[in-house]
């Protein structure tokens, strides 16, 4: 079942809403539609897959179309699925520190100094 169907699935959304007290919610690609449908993006800025900006609009204060990663008050959203690498590296640095991020970049075989995509906080 895809995100468009899950965004209308009451049982799934009820389950997702059990994450209300989770301090950091993260999505990549159209996962932001699910966070939005569950109410986690109300009055926040967010991004999603570039073909789904209009679908995200009803759930957010602002759809960010120029950023790969958007962080807003406990929620991090990433753009299209390729942003998953950038979001992962961003999380490593945020949660563990820049040295850990550098080690992960090296282990993944990415270029030294690999820069995470456009970020908006």
Protein backbone atom coordinates (compact mmCIF):
# COMPACT_ATOMS: atom_id res chain seq x y z
CA UNK A 1 0.00 0.00 0.00
CA UNK A 2 1.44 3.40 -0.97
CA UNK A 3 1.55 6.64 0.96
CA UNK A 4 -1.45 8.14 -0.86
CA UNK A 5 -3.61 5.22 0.26
CA UNK A 6 -2.17 5.16 3.79
CA UNK A 7 -2.86 8.90 4.16
CA UNK A 8 -6.57 8.00 3.98
CA UNK A 9 -6.38 4.87 6.15
CA UNK A 10 -7.90 5.76 9.53
CA UNK A 11 -6.44 2.75 11.34
CA UNK A 12 -2.95 3.54 10.05
CA UNK A 13 -3.23 7.24 10.92
CA UNK A 14 -4.48 6.37 14.42
CA UNK A 15 -1.43 4.15 14.85
CA UNK A 16 0.90 6.84 13.50
CA UNK A 17 -0.58 9.36 15.93
CA UNK A 18 0.69 7.21 18.81
CA UNK A 19 4.04 8.87 18.00
CA UNK A 20 2.70 12.20 19.31
CA UNK A 21 5.22 12.26 22.18
CA UNK A 22 8.20 11.20 20.07
CA UNK A 23 10.66 14.10 20.17
CA UNK A 24 11.91 13.79 16.60
CA UNK A 25 9.81 12.66 13.66
CA UNK A 26 11.55 12.09 10.32
CA UNK A 27 10.31 11.36 6.82
CA UNK A 28 11.75 11.16 3.35
CA UNK A 29 9.92 11.60 0.06
CA UNK A 30 6.14 11.21 0.33
CA UNK A 31 6.38 10.06 3.93
CA UNK A 32 5.74 13.72 4.76
CA UNK A 33 2.20 13.24 3.42
CA UNK A 34 1.68 10.67 6.16
CA UNK A 35 3.08 12.97 8.83
CA UNK A 36 0.77 15.66 7.51
CA UNK A 37 -2.30 13.44 7.43
CA UNK A 38 -1.55 12.45 11.02
CA UNK A 39 -1.47 16.13 12.02
CA UNK A 40 2.26 16.38 12.76
CA UNK A 41 2.95 19.10 10.17
CA UNK A 42 0.29 21.60 11.20
CA UNK A 43 1.79 25.12 11.25
CA UNK A 44 5.19 23.77 10.11
CA UNK A 45 7.39 24.07 7.03
CA UNK A 46 8.13 20.80 5.23
CA UNK A 47 9.19 19.26 1.94
CA UNK A 48 8.40 16.12 -0.03
CA UNK A 49 8.90 14.58 -3.45
CA UNK A 50 8.87 17.37 -6.04
CA UNK A 51 5.82 15.91 -7.79
CA UNK A 52 3.80 16.02 -4.55
CA UNK A 53 4.17 19.62 -3.39
CA UNK A 54 0.48 20.31 -4.06
CA UNK A 55 -0.55 17.21 -2.11
CA UNK A 56 1.53 18.40 0.87
CA UNK A 57 0.17 21.96 0.85
CA UNK A 58 -3.05 21.33 2.85
CA UNK A 59 -1.05 19.89 5.75
CA UNK A 60 1.62 22.57 6.23
CA UNK A 61 2.20 26.25 6.84
CA UNK A 62 4.73 26.31 3.98
CA UNK A 63 5.87 23.83 1.34
CA UNK A 64 9.61 24.27 0.93
CA UNK A 65 10.49 23.57 -2.69
CA UNK A 66 14.13 24.64 -2.72
CA UNK A 67 15.43 22.59 0.20
CA UNK A 68 16.41 18.94 0.31
CA UNK A 69 15.99 18.82 4.09
CA UNK A 70 13.66 20.92 6.24
CA UNK A 71 13.72 20.86 10.04
CA UNK A 72 10.90 22.54 11.93
CA UNK A 73 10.18 22.04 15.61
CA UNK A 74 10.85 18.35 16.06
CA UNK A 75 10.07 17.27 12.51
CA UNK A 76 12.57 16.67 9.72
CA UNK A 77 11.35 16.11 6.18
CA UNK A 78 13.43 15.22 3.14
CA UNK A 79 12.73 15.65 -0.55
CA UNK A 80 12.59 12.87 -3.15
CA UNK A 81 13.87 9.42 -2.25
CA UNK A 82 17.48 10.27 -3.18
CA UNK A 83 17.41 12.69 -0.23
CA UNK A 84 17.44 9.68 2.09
CA UNK A 85 21.25 9.68 2.08
CA UNK A 86 21.37 13.38 2.96
CA UNK A 87 18.72 13.00 5.65
CA UNK A 88 20.57 10.03 7.14
CA UNK A 89 23.85 11.92 7.26
CA UNK A 90 22.10 14.96 8.72
CA UNK A 91 20.66 12.78 11.47
CA UNK A 92 24.02 11.19 12.23
CA UNK A 93 25.57 14.62 12.67
CA UNK A 94 22.62 15.96 14.67
CA UNK A 95 22.46 12.99 17.03
CA UNK A 96 26.08 11.84 17.27
CA UNK A 97 28.24 14.67 15.94
CA UNK A 98 30.31 15.75 12.94
CA UNK A 99 33.08 13.20 13.53
CA UNK A 100 30.57 10.35 13.28
CA UNK A 101 29.12 11.87 10.13
CA UNK A 102 32.58 12.07 8.58
CA UNK A 103 33.20 8.42 9.47
CA UNK A 104 29.90 7.35 7.89
CA UNK A 105 30.64 9.36 4.73
CA UNK A 106 34.01 7.60 4.45
CA UNK A 107 32.52 4.17 5.12
CA UNK A 108 29.86 4.75 2.46
CA UNK A 109 32.53 5.62 -0.10
CA UNK A 110 31.22 9.14 -0.62
CA UNK A 111 33.65 11.91 -1.51
CA UNK A 112 35.53 13.42 1.42
CA UNK A 113 33.63 16.53 2.49
CA UNK A 114 30.37 15.26 0.99
CA UNK A 115 27.93 18.06 1.60
CA UNK A 116 24.41 17.31 2.73
CA UNK A 117 21.82 18.90 0.44
CA UNK A 118 20.14 22.25 0.96
CA UNK A 119 18.94 22.57 4.54
CA UNK A 120 16.35 24.88 6.01
CA UNK A 121 15.92 25.19 9.75
